[in-house]
């Protein structure tokens, strides 16, 4: 009942808003209907008249794409109100994004959102189906169609959340040169792009068309010290009328601080340079407590907010009419994309022998001042930040190739298409600064060439030979697909001719992950290799996997009445088990190859209907099922270190079990993570979904169109890692997950717990999408207003044995936010054929911020005298985020168009957030949800000849 009340209230609010907007803007105007044509609509295999159907499809034309001011495809797609939960480029600053930007419909996830190129699949960036948008050149895109309803019955099992279909340009004959330069008002983060394209031949008159296009774009880095709201981990703010400060500093610093372990006393940390100089070094702040008299490092001041990137893209297409009914097509896309993200310099704790010269010089002289008896010191360690090594930087390089070719046409009144696709995605991760060879560093340190207690800037040349500039790992994904499609009229129904679409696909996907020697570290495959990266964890192992699958579908559209169409679609998918060419045991020893996981096959269906009670109203609805098999890496990922448990537990095995000898009592235990390669009921089963939509479109006049869709997606048996609490709470049930492994670093055995993937969770997403438009003539010109948005009702996630967690409007336990409302309103005024002015409003609702406690060490109170007090507990809200954009496009003549625009017109800063979990080194705001660039001015020139 509560859910129904929430839905009813949301529908009333949004409907009322839409109707009020329409009533306030209505004026008399007449607009001619666009010429209709038979095209294939995303979400259907049947070619039909291009008009509103039973499924909600949002279409952005090339002109609408230009009005957004988007710099690239990811900027365009991730700016749509229906998109949430995607990976933004800023996440690669801390390594979490891996150089990837993707799409996610309704926050359901990139793995459930299918991205197509001209209706055909492209290679993913990993072992699943999620696509890196950086491989698609925006200059080659004619339009984008976004289906915000599940389409797994038509496209395959991974289209549960929806489909994003990029339609590329064709039949262009002119040469077009376009260039854009974007410059933020403040320093940092400028971008530019350039493209040139030329077509040859008119498909209708010459029976062929060849189109070639090249594009280059660059994004310059934006650093934290270039923005006031993110330049320090000590950000003061007001909450409830009181002053507080973020307190995001680290004990590891340059010069090094020292921690002393004492007999019968708490440990004491101090900075020798502070006691010597009476001040802290740059980028550090003094901590003055009973047990901490040291300078802590302000790591937030040293990182990027936006990574640097470059992209070069080539696109070519050939369309050739063999005869009036048959055409051959071929298209190829090749792109090279590189992105470099940098975060804080590496931190390291290093033992400091009390008998060493460094101890005598930097510690012993200050013990009396600290009130420490030298005889009470049992151990000392240096807390070092290797600032002179530079910030840790990764460069992600992606080379993508996509080739599609085939024949389409009409045979005896039926449309058909036969195609073949070969798509590749190769990504490499490079050490590009900050990371060091442990062996080379230790050699430099042993030779006395590096003084950890010296000021920053004094050892750059000394440490340079140890800094890594080499490959970290390589990933290669290949996809081959053969498809056959056909559609046409089959029989007469009461409302017209019924149409049938059928098709079949066969595909093979391969995934290979090859870490470099230093990324793997010492293991049985390289017993003579002893080095590891200083600044990140080794232990990666290679993967070599592949899987074949095939699917077939049928879709039948029946005009039951003149104003009622009913469509039924059914699909059958079959997936082979995964072939893994590299299988490792628990001690990381290669033991051969084998077939892992389960074969999976399942039929899914979709029913939809569209009813037009009048020529001014359309009602539509759909219900469907879907399923998604596990990503190959969730099956084949080698078992490797995964840190330690967050909680402390008693020994899970008892003597005489030999594993009990490696227990350590009530403490934290080491964790292992890896794929679930088991077969049968213990292996991974497909995730299953049910989804439905109900919607309407109302057009009371030719000028006003109001559309709204209520949707729901329910996913069962979602695949996730086993929580650590499960095996320790029931060690008898999970006995096989505990094992003894040898730790080369410790030189001894240890008890470790494996957390594999299981079908663990259930999820439910529900919301409302709207898409409204209004057109009218004004004394100044033709005015068009578009209002799109999404209102989220539920984003529920539940692991068995725990309560349902709704992530809408709050920072959840998985470190994500699902926004209640995301909306965009754009108004365009066209004056004659020369000027078009566009103003747009972009809005995200506020949410409950991450909850912090005194134990987190995240927020401190600010005393009346401006000094910092104690850590505090805090619950607060992040404010809403609203920006305005403006653009004017001038069509100077038939050949030349110039566009000038301002994004974030009023220079609104991102809303303040205390977010730390999963946030890496960026402090003060959440870069996934708000832009750090501020006001940006851009100029675009387009010349056609």
Foldseek 3Di string as FASTA:
>chain_A
DVLVVLVVVVVVVVVVVQVVVCVVPDDDDDDDDDDWDFDDAPLDQATDTPDDDQFDKDKQFPVNQVQVVQPWDLSSQCQAQQWDQWQDQLLCQQPPSLRATFTDGQNPDQQLEAEEEQNHAFWDQFLGRRHGRQQDGPVFFRMKMWTQAARCLPNHFSNHRTYIYTYGDWQDAWKKKKKKWKDFPFDFWIKIKIKIKHKHDGCVPRQKIKMKMKMKMKTTWAAQCRFPLFQFQFAWDDDPNFIWTWDDWAQAEFLWWKWFDFPPDDIAIAALVCVVPVDDAPQWDADDDLRYGYTTHGFSNAFISGWIKMKMKMKMKMWGHPDPFKIKIKIKMKMKMKTKHWGFFFKDKAWDDCPDPLCVVRPVVCCVVSVHDPVGTDTMIITHGPPLQPTWMKMKMKIKMKMKIWMWGADPFKTKIKMKMKIKIKMWIWGDTRKFKPVLVVVLVVVVVDDSRDGPPPCNVSCVVGRGGGTFKMKMKIKIKIKMKMKGFDDAAAQGTKMKIKMKMKMKMKMKMGGDDQQCADAPVCPPGHIHIRRDDHRADIWTKMKIKMKIKMKMWHCNHNFKIKMKMKMKMKIQFMKIQFAADPRRHTDGIDGFEEIDMDMKMKIKMWGDPDPFKIKIKMKIKHWAFDRPFLAGGYKTWDAKAPAWAADLDDPPPVQVVQDDGGGIATEIEGHRRHYDPSGADIKMKMKMKIKMWGHPDPFKIKIKMKMKMKIALDKDWAHPVVCRVPVVVVVVQWDWYADPVVRGIHIYGYTHIGSFKIWMWIWMWIWIKGWDADPQAIKIKIKIKIATSFTWMDGPPDDIDTQEQEQDPVRGHSFRMWMKMKMWGDGDPFKIKIKMKTKTAKGKADWDAQVVSTMFGQDPVRHTDGRHTDIDMWGMDMFMKIKMWGCPDPFKIKMKIKTRVVQDAATFGSDDVSQRSGHGHRSVPDPHSTIMIMMMMMGID
